[in-house]
Amino acid sequence: MRPTLTHEAFERHGVPGAAGPVLFAVPHAGRAYSPELLARARVTPEMLTRLEDRHADRLADGLIEEGHCVFIARQPRALIDLNRDESDVDVRAIADAPWNFRGQGSAKVRGGLGLIPERLAQAGNLWRHPLPFAELRRRIEQVHRPYHEALAEGLAAARARHGVALLVDIHSMPPLRNTSGLHDPPPRAVIGDRFGRTAADRLTDLCADMVRRLPLPVAINSPYSGNHILERHGRPERGIHAIQIELDRSLYLMPDLMTPGPGLPRMQRLMVDLATILTQDLAGRDSALAAE
């Protein structure tokens, strides 16, 4: 289906609030690699795709068909990471920065995965040269800010219409290994709410219970609790909740973890079922959720 709104940074399918208070977003599946971006890279295009939540946008196909509001990022994570704060920048990787420009030395930045991804363990440095400061500002102003402004406006519209709103941020993760020393299988899905800061516990538990019914092992906030998107948009005290769901890529991709596989329809159905049960649960519960 054609998007309702197309921007350089994202596509929006559906109208916020029209199908209920739940909005969905897919921030890490963009595949619009420009010739300029590829020319800057010292690694192959295939290496840059490892930054993606590969084909995670396809998980939302059923949601779009049923009229839910879905935001899908168009630009690749290699260009700019929408799940990082604007200040998550390694100043050593920026050229011609003004004297008063200060980045943020977070663990993600030190690991090479800040606002502008700089390194991958499998490849080392990703870029031939430092990024000009003017290009950093352009990416922030034309991609990062419009995406987050659109999400904020969509959530505000849904809350105005229904009294409450919920963002479900869709991600995918590589298959996890069991490092606990126990015999329990590793999680195939992880639900994150920043340890209860960005959503009511009941909503998080509802998502986890839906995954368990498949049945699939699920974890909450470990090893992924969410990042900037949840922190920025989740405001339970104002009636706006935000949850992240990470799905094991082997659930919907082929064994190469690069192309859609036979499990995709099942995971698309999971997203639709989540939308249904969350919408039903939120109906008429806005005051109770605000109190939580």
C-alpha atoms as a PDB file:
ATOM      1  CA  MET A   1       0.000   0.000   0.000  1.00  0.00           C
ATOM      2  CA  ARG A   2       1.162   3.503  -0.762  1.00  0.00           C
ATOM      3  CA  PRO A   3       2.188   5.619   2.245  1.00  0.00           C
ATOM      4  CA  THR A   4      -0.097   8.372   3.477  1.00  0.00           C
ATOM      5  CA  LEU A   5       2.893  10.695   3.902  1.00  0.00           C
ATOM      6  CA  THR A   6       6.388  10.508   2.385  1.00  0.00           C
ATOM      7  CA  HIS A   7       9.354  12.478   3.715  1.00  0.00           C
ATOM      8  CA  GLU A   8      13.089  12.216   3.112  1.00  0.00           C
ATOM      9  CA  ALA A   9      13.391  10.677   6.569  1.00  0.00           C
ATOM     10  CA  PHE A  10      10.357   8.382   6.741  1.00  0.00           C
ATOM     11  CA  GLU A  11       7.130   7.047   5.329  1.00  0.00           C
ATOM     12  CA  ARG A  12       3.958   7.238   7.357  1.00  0.00           C
ATOM     13  CA  HIS A  13       1.214   4.746   6.674  1.00  0.00           C
ATOM     14  CA  GLY A  14      -2.228   5.479   8.053  1.00  0.00           C
ATOM     15  CA  VAL A  15      -3.443   8.384  10.158  1.00  0.00           C
ATOM     16  CA  PRO A  16      -2.378   8.700  13.818  1.00  0.00           C
ATOM     17  CA  GLY A  17      -5.261   7.761  16.086  1.00  0.00           C
ATOM     18  CA  ALA A  18      -7.630   6.688  13.318  1.00  0.00           C
ATOM     19  CA  ALA A  19      -7.345   2.950  14.075  1.00  0.00           C
ATOM     20  CA  GLY A  20      -6.816   3.381  17.808  1.00  0.00           C
ATOM     21  CA  PRO A  21      -4.277   4.741  20.289  1.00  0.00           C
ATOM     22  CA  VAL A  22      -1.392   2.436  19.240  1.00  0.00           C
ATOM     23  CA  LEU A  23       1.270   3.669  16.790  1.00  0.00           C
ATOM     24  CA  PHE A  24       4.108   1.566  15.406  1.00  0.00           C
ATOM     25  CA  ALA A  25       7.569   2.604  14.201  1.00  0.00           C
ATOM     26  CA  VAL A  26      10.477   0.862  12.471  1.00  0.00           C
ATOM     27  CA  PRO A  27      13.603   3.059  12.789  1.00  0.00           C
ATOM     28  CA  HIS A  28      16.431   0.749  11.659  1.00  0.00           C
ATOM     29  CA  ALA A  29      15.274  -0.828   8.393  1.00  0.00           C
ATOM     30  CA  GLY A  30      16.045   2.034   5.975  1.00  0.00           C
ATOM     31  CA  ARG A  31      17.787   0.923   2.783  1.00  0.00           C
ATOM     32  CA  ALA A  32      18.177   4.179   0.797  1.00  0.00           C
ATOM     33  CA  TYR A  33      21.983   4.088   0.443  1.00  0.00           C
ATOM     34  CA  SER A  34      22.975   7.123  -1.610  1.00  0.00           C
ATOM     35  CA  PRO A  35      26.027   7.084  -3.913  1.00  0.00           C
ATOM     36  CA  GLU A  36      27.574   9.764  -1.688  1.00  0.00           C
ATOM     37  CA  LEU A  37      27.217   7.623   1.429  1.00  0.00           C
ATOM     38  CA  LEU A  38      28.671   4.566  -0.275  1.00  0.00           C
ATOM     39  CA  ALA A  39      31.591   6.615  -1.639  1.00  0.00           C
ATOM     40  CA  ARG A  40      32.516   7.651   1.920  1.00  0.00           C
ATOM     41  CA  ALA A  41      32.632   4.057   3.129  1.00  0.00           C
ATOM     42  CA  ARG A  42      35.864   2.101   3.388  1.00  0.00           C
ATOM     43  CA  VAL A  43      33.840  -1.107   3.697  1.00  0.00           C
ATOM     44  CA  THR A  44      31.526  -2.871   1.275  1.00  0.00           C
ATOM     45  CA  PRO A  45      27.817  -2.010   1.055  1.00  0.00           C
ATOM     46  CA  GLU A  46      27.109  -5.486   2.439  1.00  0.00           C
ATOM     47  CA  MET A  47      29.033  -4.582   5.583  1.00  0.00           C
ATOM     48  CA  LEU A  48      26.962  -1.425   6.051  1.00  0.00           C
ATOM     49  CA  THR A  49      23.767  -3.463   5.870  1.00  0.00           C
ATOM     50  CA  ARG A  50      24.851  -5.241   9.056  1.00  0.00           C
ATOM     51  CA  LEU A  51      23.814  -2.085  10.874  1.00  0.00           C
ATOM     52  CA  GLU A  52      20.227  -2.613   9.710  1.00  0.00           C
ATOM     53  CA  ASP A  53      17.397  -4.403  11.423  1.00  0.00           C
ATOM     54  CA  ARG A  54      17.241  -6.331   8.182  1.00  0.00           C
ATOM     55  CA  HIS A  55      13.748  -6.248   6.611  1.00  0.00           C
ATOM     56  CA  ALA A  56      12.150  -5.340   9.945  1.00  0.00           C
ATOM     57  CA  ASP A  57       9.819  -3.077   7.963  1.00  0.00           C
ATOM     58  CA  ARG A  58       8.243  -6.212   6.485  1.00  0.00           C
ATOM     59  CA  LEU A  59       7.073  -7.125   9.994  1.00  0.00           C
ATOM     60  CA  ALA A  60       4.649  -4.197   9.709  1.00  0.00           C
ATOM     61  CA  ASP A  61       3.037  -5.274   6.419  1.00  0.00           C
ATOM     62  CA  GLY A  62      -0.057  -6.680   8.124  1.00  0.00           C
ATOM     63  CA  LEU A  63      -0.388  -3.626  10.340  1.00  0.00           C
ATOM     64  CA  ILE A  64      -0.389  -1.381   7.291  1.00  0.00           C
ATOM     65  CA  GLU A  65      -2.957  -3.548   5.501  1.00  0.00           C
ATOM     66  CA  GLU A  66      -5.276  -3.256   8.498  1.00  0.00           C
ATOM     67  CA  GLY A  67      -4.985   0.523   8.625  1.00  0.00           C
ATOM     68  CA  HIS A  68      -2.748   0.996  11.657  1.00  0.00           C
ATOM     69  CA  CYS A  69      -0.457   4.010  11.788  1.00  0.00           C
ATOM     70  CA  VAL A  70       3.121   2.952  11.058  1.00  0.00           C
ATOM     71  CA  PHE A  71       6.245   5.115  10.694  1.00  0.00           C
ATOM     72  CA  ILE A  72       9.016   3.493   8.643  1.00  0.00           C
ATOM     73  CA  ALA A  73      12.429   5.157   8.421  1.00  0.00           C
ATOM     74  CA  ARG A  74      13.740   5.477   4.865  1.00  0.00           C
ATOM     75  CA  GLN A  75      17.353   6.421   5.557  1.00  0.00           C
ATOM     76  CA  PRO A  76      19.798   3.708   6.635  1.00  0.00           C
ATOM     77  CA  ARG A  77      21.227   3.534  10.101  1.00  0.00           C
ATOM     78  CA  ALA A  78      24.654   3.968   8.499  1.00  0.00           C
ATOM     79  CA  LEU A  79      23.640   7.555   7.670  1.00  0.00           C
ATOM     80  CA  ILE A  80      22.243   8.418  11.087  1.00  0.00           C
ATOM     81  CA  ASP A  81      20.872   6.386  13.973  1.00  0.00           C
ATOM     82  CA  LEU A  82      17.386   7.551  14.922  1.00  0.00           C
ATOM     83  CA  ASN A  83      17.663   5.673  18.220  1.00  0.00           C
ATOM     84  CA  ARG A  84      20.470   7.890  19.498  1.00  0.00           C
ATOM     85  CA  ASP A  85      20.405  11.362  21.016  1.00  0.00           C
ATOM     86  CA  GLU A  86      21.721  14.234  18.897  1.00  0.00           C
ATOM     87  CA  SER A  87      24.625  14.589  21.317  1.00  0.00           C
ATOM     88  CA  ASP A  88      25.766  10.945  20.987  1.00  0.00           C
ATOM     89  CA  VAL A  89      28.654  11.950  18.727  1.00  0.00           C
ATOM     90  CA  ASP A  90      32.346  11.050  18.788  1.00  0.00           C
ATOM     91  CA  VAL A  91      33.971  14.458  18.231  1.00  0.00           C
ATOM     92  CA  ARG A  92      37.131  12.718  16.977  1.00  0.00           C
ATOM     93  CA  ALA A  93      35.146  11.518  13.958  1.00  0.00           C
ATOM     94  CA  ILE A  94      33.922  15.006  13.006  1.00  0.00           C
ATOM     95  CA  ALA A  95      35.898  17.461  10.862  1.00  0.00           C
ATOM     96  CA  ASP A  96      35.732  21.257  11.183  1.00  0.00           C
ATOM     97  CA  ALA A  97      33.621  21.178  14.336  1.00  0.00           C
ATOM     98  CA  PRO A  98      33.319  24.551  16.115  1.00  0.00           C
ATOM     99  CA  TRP A  99      35.362  24.980  19.272  1.00  0.00           C
ATOM    100  CA  ASN A 100      32.293  24.816  21.511  1.00  0.00           C
ATOM    101  CA  PHE A 101      30.864  21.613  20.012  1.00  0.00           C
ATOM    102  CA  ARG A 102      30.698  18.869  22.604  1.00  0.00           C
ATOM    103  CA  GLY A 103      29.775  15.266  21.967  1.00  0.00           C
ATOM    104  CA  GLN A 104      28.716  12.764  24.576  1.00  0.00           C
ATOM    105  CA  GLY A 105      31.035   9.973  25.662  1.00  0.00           C
ATOM    106  CA  SER A 106      28.375   7.308  26.189  1.00  0.00           C
ATOM    107  CA  ALA A 107      29.109   3.581  26.089  1.00  0.00           C
ATOM    108  CA  LYS A 108      27.422   3.373  22.666  1.00  0.00           C
ATOM    109  CA  VAL A 109      29.650   6.142  21.304  1.00  0.00           C
ATOM    110  CA  ARG A 110      32.788   4.526  22.726  1.00  0.00           C
ATOM    111  CA  GLY A 111      31.721   1.272  21.072  1.00  0.00           C
ATOM    112  CA  GLY A 112      31.432   2.988  17.694  1.00  0.00           C
ATOM    113  CA  LEU A 113      27.629   2.959  17.560  1.00  0.00           C
ATOM    114  CA  GLY A 114      26.651   6.531  18.309  1.00  0.00           C
ATOM    115  CA  LEU A 115      24.455   8.910  16.340  1.00  0.00           C
ATOM    116  CA  ILE A 116      26.761   8.346  13.352  1.00  0.00           C
ATOM    117  CA  PRO A 117      27.941   4.709  13.454  1.00  0.00           C
ATOM    118  CA  GLU A 118      31.733   4.670  13.183  1.00  0.00           C
ATOM    119  CA  ARG A 119      32.913   1.090  13.751  1.00  0.00           C
ATOM    120  CA  LEU A 120      31.833  -2.517  13.585  1.00  0.00           C
ATOM    121  CA  ALA A 121      33.676  -5.327  15.308  1.00  0.00           C
ATOM    122  CA  GLN A 122      33.794  -7.331  12.081  1.00  0.00           C
ATOM    123  CA  ALA A 123      35.163  -4.461   9.984  1.00  0.00           C
ATOM    124  CA  GLY A 124      36.827  -1.778  12.083  1.00  0.00           C
ATOM    125  CA  ASN A 125      36.344   1.823  10.969  1.00  0.00           C
ATOM    126  CA  LEU A 126      33.502   2.248   8.479  1.00  0.00           C
ATOM    127  CA  TRP A 127      34.479   5.550   6.830  1.00  0.00           C
ATOM    128  CA  ARG A 128      37.412   6.817   4.805  1.00  0.00           C
ATOM    129  CA  HIS A 129      37.447  10.304   6.331  1.00  0.00           C
ATOM    130  CA  PRO A 130      35.943  12.204   9.270  1.00  0.00           C
ATOM    131  CA  LEU A 131      32.440  13.523   8.638  1.00  0.00           C
ATOM    132  CA  PRO A 132      32.298  17.291   7.971  1.00  0.00           C
ATOM    133  CA  PHE A 133      30.417  19.109  10.714  1.00  0.00           C
ATOM    134  CA  ALA A 134      28.121  20.720   8.148  1.00  0.00           C
ATOM    135  CA  GLU A 135      27.037  17.258   6.962  1.00  0.00           C
ATOM    136  CA  LEU A 136      26.405  16.157  10.535  1.00  0.00           C
ATOM    137  CA  ARG A 137      24.100  19.156  11.010  1.00  0.00           C
ATOM    138  CA  ARG A 138      22.340  18.446   7.720  1.00  0.00           C
ATOM    139  CA  ARG A 139      21.603  14.846   8.710  1.00  0.00           C
ATOM    140  CA  ILE A 140      20.264  15.932  12.079  1.00  0.00           C
ATOM    141  CA  GLU A 141      18.103  18.721  10.662  1.00  0.00           C
ATOM    142  CA  GLN A 142      16.769  16.863   7.620  1.00  0.00           C
ATOM    143  CA  VAL A 143      16.458  13.311   8.914  1.00  0.00           C
ATOM    144  CA  HIS A 144      16.729  12.924  12.713  1.00  0.00           C
ATOM    145  CA  ARG A 145      14.607  15.874  13.840  1.00  0.00           C
ATOM    146  CA  PRO A 146      11.799  15.452  11.281  1.00  0.00           C
ATOM    147  CA  TYR A 147      11.440  11.786  12.219  1.00  0.00           C
ATOM    148  CA  HIS A 148      11.125  12.513  15.928  1.00  0.00           C
ATOM    149  CA  GLU A 149       8.882  15.527  15.361  1.00  0.00           C
ATOM    150  CA  ALA A 150       6.550  13.349  13.285  1.00  0.00           C
ATOM    151  CA  LEU A 151       6.465  10.661  15.980  1.00  0.00           C
ATOM    152  CA  ALA A 152       5.723  13.263  18.667  1.00  0.00           C
ATOM    153  CA  GLU A 153       2.950  14.830  16.609  1.00  0.00           C
ATOM    154  CA  GLY A 154       1.436  11.413  15.862  1.00  0.00           C
ATOM    155  CA  LEU A 155       1.440  10.386  19.512  1.00  0.00           C
ATOM    156  CA  ALA A 156      -0.054  13.736  20.550  1.00  0.00           C
ATOM    157  CA  ALA A 157      -2.827  13.306  17.972  1.00  0.00           C
ATOM    158  CA  ALA A 158      -3.591   9.769  19.173  1.00  0.00           C
ATOM    159  CA  ARG A 159      -3.676  10.880  22.805  1.00  0.00           C
ATOM    160  CA  ALA A 160      -5.957  13.821  21.961  1.00  0.00           C
ATOM    161  CA  ARG A 161      -8.346  11.433  20.251  1.00  0.00           C
ATOM    162  CA  HIS A 162      -8.265   8.546  22.726  1.00  0.00           C
ATOM    163  CA  GLY A 163      -6.971  10.019  25.983  1.00  0.00           C
ATOM    164  CA  VAL A 164      -3.908   7.760  25.841  1.00  0.00           C
ATOM    165  CA  ALA A 165      -1.306   6.723  23.270  1.00  0.00           C
ATOM    166  CA  LEU A 166       1.246   3.940  22.921  1.00  0.00           C
ATOM    167  CA  LEU A 167       4.283   3.718  20.648  1.00  0.00           C
ATOM    168  CA  VAL A 168       5.513   0.214  19.787  1.00  0.00           C
ATOM    169  CA  ASP A 169       9.040   0.516  18.398  1.00  0.00           C
ATOM    170  CA  ILE A 170       9.916  -2.515  16.245  1.00  0.00           C
ATOM    171  CA  HIS A 171      13.499  -3.811  16.089  1.00  0.00           C
ATOM    172  CA  SER A 172      15.246  -7.080  15.308  1.00  0.00           C
ATOM    173  CA  MET A 173      18.245  -8.694  16.948  1.00  0.00           C
ATOM    174  CA  PRO A 174      20.763 -11.392  16.058  1.00  0.00           C
ATOM    175  CA  PRO A 175      20.047 -14.789  17.628  1.00  0.00           C
ATOM    176  CA  LEU A 176      21.097 -14.699  21.266  1.00  0.00           C
ATOM    177  CA  ARG A 177      23.215 -17.310  22.999  1.00  0.00           C
ATOM    178  CA  ASN A 178      22.573 -18.679  26.468  1.00  0.00           C
ATOM    179  CA  THR A 179      25.251 -17.172  28.724  1.00  0.00           C
ATOM    180  CA  SER A 180      23.485 -17.781  32.042  1.00  0.00           C
ATOM    181  CA  GLY A 181      24.906 -21.236  32.604  1.00  0.00           C
ATOM    182  CA  LEU A 182      21.337 -22.539  33.007  1.00  0.00           C
ATOM    183  CA  HIS A 183      19.473 -24.825  30.629  1.00  0.00           C
ATOM    184  CA  ASP A 184      16.743 -22.315  29.803  1.00  0.00           C
ATOM    185  CA  PRO A 185      16.654 -21.367  26.107  1.00  0.00           C
ATOM    186  CA  PRO A 186      17.779 -17.834  25.233  1.00  0.00           C
ATOM    187  CA  PRO A 187      15.006 -15.324  24.507  1.00  0.00           C
ATOM    188  CA  ARG A 188      13.708 -15.090  20.947  1.00  0.00           C
ATOM    189  CA  ALA A 189      12.072 -11.745  21.750  1.00  0.00           C
ATOM    190  CA  VAL A 190      12.921  -8.956  24.182  1.00  0.00           C
ATOM    191  CA  ILE A 191      10.407  -6.362  25.372  1.00  0.00           C
ATOM    192  CA  GLY A 192      11.915  -3.081  26.602  1.00  0.00           C
ATOM    193  CA  ASP A 193      10.409  -0.206  28.556  1.00  0.00           C
ATOM    194  CA  ARG A 194      13.539   1.348  30.080  1.00  0.00           C
ATOM    195  CA  PHE A 195      12.924  -0.654  33.265  1.00  0.00           C
ATOM    196  CA  GLY A 196       9.415   0.668  33.700  1.00  0.00           C
ATOM    197  CA  ARG A 197      10.138   4.316  32.970  1.00  0.00           C
ATOM    198  CA  THR A 198       8.457   4.609  29.563  1.00  0.00           C
ATOM    199  CA  ALA A 199       5.321   2.451  29.837  1.00  0.00           C
ATOM    200  CA  ALA A 200       2.880   1.041  32.344  1.00  0.00           C
ATOM    201  CA  ASP A 201       3.950  -2.403  33.539  1.00  0.00           C
ATOM    202  CA  ARG A 202       0.676  -3.917  32.379  1.00  0.00           C
ATOM    203  CA  LEU A 203       1.339  -2.981  28.763  1.00  0.00           C
ATOM    204  CA  THR A 204       4.832  -4.475  28.852  1.00  0.00           C
ATOM    205  CA  ASP A 205       3.523  -7.676  30.431  1.00  0.00           C
ATOM    206  CA  LEU A 206       0.750  -7.883  27.850  1.00  0.00           C
ATOM    207  CA  CYS A 207       3.295  -7.767  25.014  1.00  0.00           C
ATOM    208  CA  ALA A 208       5.430 -10.431  26.682  1.00  0.00           C
ATOM    209  CA  ASP A 209       2.414 -12.689  27.254  1.00  0.00           C
ATOM    210  CA  MET A 210       1.422 -12.443  23.581  1.00  0.00           C
ATOM    211  CA  VAL A 211       4.885 -13.635  22.525  1.00  0.00           C
ATOM    212  CA  ARG A 212       4.835 -16.491  25.048  1.00  0.00           C
ATOM    213  CA  ARG A 213       1.617 -17.802  23.513  1.00  0.00           C
ATOM    214  CA  LEU A 214       3.351 -18.613  20.198  1.00  0.00           C
ATOM    215  CA  PRO A 215       5.194 -20.113  22.198  1.00  0.00           C
ATOM    216  CA  LEU A 216       8.539 -18.329  22.239  1.00  0.00           C
ATOM    217  CA  PRO A 217      10.891 -17.550  25.129  1.00  0.00           C
ATOM    218  CA  VAL A 218      10.803 -13.830  25.936  1.00  0.00           C
ATOM    219  CA  ALA A 219      12.754 -11.502  28.214  1.00  0.00           C
ATOM    220  CA  ILE A 220      11.950  -8.061  29.565  1.00  0.00           C
ATOM    221  CA  ASN A 221      14.624  -5.326  29.449  1.00  0.00           C
ATOM    222  CA  SER A 222      17.518  -7.767  29.133  1.00  0.00           C
ATOM    223  CA  PRO A 223      19.686  -7.462  27.170  1.00  0.00           C
ATOM    224  CA  TYR A 224      17.777  -4.646  25.422  1.00  0.00           C
ATOM    225  CA  SER A 225      15.748  -2.106  27.387  1.00  0.00           C
ATOM    226  CA  GLY A 226      15.362   0.473  24.621  1.00  0.00           C
ATOM    227  CA  ASN A 227      17.263   3.679  24.001  1.00  0.00           C
ATOM    228  CA  HIS A 228      16.676   7.240  22.832  1.00  0.00           C
ATOM    229  CA  ILE A 229      13.325   6.683  21.110  1.00  0.00           C
ATOM    230  CA  LEU A 230      11.707   5.352  24.273  1.00  0.00           C
ATOM    231  CA  GLU A 231      13.397   7.928  26.496  1.00  0.00           C
ATOM    232  CA  ARG A 232      12.314  10.767  24.227  1.00  0.00           C
ATOM    233  CA  HIS A 233       8.714   9.780  23.597  1.00  0.00           C
ATOM    234  CA  GLY A 234       7.609   7.640  26.532  1.00  0.00           C
ATOM    235  CA  ARG A 235       5.815   9.878  29.049  1.00  0.00           C
ATOM    236  CA  PRO A 236       3.434   7.648  31.011  1.00  0.00           C
ATOM    237  CA  GLU A 237       2.600  10.488  33.415  1.00  0.00           C
ATOM    238  CA  ARG A 238       1.203  12.372  30.408  1.00  0.00           C
ATOM    239  CA  GLY A 239      -0.655   9.401  28.982  1.00  0.00           C
ATOM    240  CA  ILE A 240       1.960   8.560  26.313  1.00  0.00           C
ATOM    241  CA  HIS A 241       3.627   5.160  26.633  1.00  0.00           C
ATOM    242  CA  ALA A 242       6.485   3.664  24.625  1.00  0.00           C
ATOM    243  CA  ILE A 243       7.639   0.047  24.334  1.00  0.00           C
ATOM    244  CA  GLN A 244      10.371  -1.576  22.247  1.00  0.00           C
ATOM    245  CA  ILE A 245      10.087  -5.086  20.837  1.00  0.00           C
ATOM    246  CA  GLU A 246      13.176  -6.917  19.556  1.00  0.00           C
ATOM    247  CA  LEU A 247      12.564 -10.072  17.525  1.00  0.00           C
ATOM    248  CA  ASP A 248      15.183 -12.708  16.729  1.00  0.00           C
ATOM    249  CA  ARG A 249      15.944 -12.276  13.009  1.00  0.00           C
ATOM    250  CA  SER A 250      15.931 -16.017  12.457  1.00  0.00           C
ATOM    251  CA  LEU A 251      12.190 -15.950  13.199  1.00  0.00           C
ATOM    252  CA  TYR A 252      11.417 -14.162   9.934  1.00  0.00           C
ATOM    253  CA  LEU A 253      14.566 -14.305   7.769  1.00  0.00           C
ATOM    254  CA  MET A 254      16.300 -17.119   5.915  1.00  0.00           C
ATOM    255  CA  PRO A 255      19.357 -18.728   7.573  1.00  0.00           C
ATOM    256  CA  ASP A 256      21.538 -16.098   5.855  1.00  0.00           C
ATOM    257  CA  LEU A 257      19.691 -13.499   8.023  1.00  0.00           C
ATOM    258  CA  MET A 258      19.527 -11.271   4.943  1.00  0.00           C
ATOM    259  CA  THR A 259      16.385 -12.279   3.019  1.00  0.00           C
ATOM    260  CA  PRO A 260      12.755 -12.830   4.116  1.00  0.00           C
ATOM    261  CA  GLY A 261      12.036 -16.409   5.118  1.00  0.00           C
ATOM    262  CA  PRO A 262       9.025 -18.673   5.652  1.00  0.00           C
ATOM    263  CA  GLY A 263       8.561 -17.462   9.236  1.00  0.00           C
ATOM    264  CA  LEU A 264       7.702 -13.921   8.145  1.00  0.00           C
ATOM    265  CA  PRO A 265       3.890 -14.374   7.956  1.00  0.00           C
ATOM    266  CA  ARG A 266       3.831 -15.731  11.519  1.00  0.00           C
ATOM    267  CA  MET A 267       5.675 -12.692  12.836  1.00  0.00           C
ATOM    268  CA  GLN A 268       3.480 -10.339  10.801  1.00  0.00           C
ATOM    269  CA  ARG A 269       0.476 -12.006  12.433  1.00  0.00           C
ATOM    270  CA  LEU A 270       2.062 -11.474  15.852  1.00  0.00           C
ATOM    271  CA  MET A 271       2.299  -7.737  15.178  1.00  0.00           C
ATOM    272  CA  VAL A 272      -1.356  -7.577  14.153  1.00  0.00           C
ATOM    273  CA  ASP A 273      -2.418  -9.570  17.218  1.00  0.00           C
ATOM    274  CA  LEU A 274      -0.369  -7.235  19.408  1.00  0.00           C
ATOM    275  CA  ALA A 275      -2.079  -4.219  17.878  1.00  0.00           C
ATOM    276  CA  THR A 276      -5.490  -5.775  18.512  1.00  0.00           C
ATOM    277  CA  ILE A 277      -4.948  -6.744  22.136  1.00  0.00           C
ATOM    278  CA  LEU A 278      -3.161  -3.505  23.048  1.00  0.00           C
ATOM    279  CA  THR A 279      -5.895  -1.421  21.451  1.00  0.00           C
ATOM    280  CA  GLN A 280      -8.580  -3.384  23.280  1.00  0.00           C
ATOM    281  CA  ASP A 281      -6.731  -3.071  26.583  1.00  0.00           C
ATOM    282  CA  LEU A 282      -6.224   0.671  26.223  1.00  0.00           C
ATOM    283  CA  ALA A 283      -9.869   1.353  25.370  1.00  0.00           C
ATOM    284  CA  GLY A 284     -11.431   3.144  28.306  1.00  0.00           C
ATOM    285  CA  ARG A 285      -8.332   2.748  30.497  1.00  0.00           C
ATOM    286  CA  ASP A 286      -6.655   6.123  29.955  1.00  0.00           C
ATOM    287  CA  SER A 287      -7.260   7.377  33.498  1.00  0.00           C
ATOM    288  CA  ALA A 288      -6.019   4.153  35.082  1.00  0.00           C
ATOM    289  CA  LEU A 289      -2.851   4.197  33.008  1.00  0.00           C
ATOM    290  CA  ALA A 290      -2.179   7.838  33.854  1.00  0.00           C
ATOM    291  CA  ALA A 291      -2.459   6.939  37.526  1.00  0.00           C
ATOM    292  CA  GLU A 292       0.144   4.174  37.122  1.00  0.00           C
END
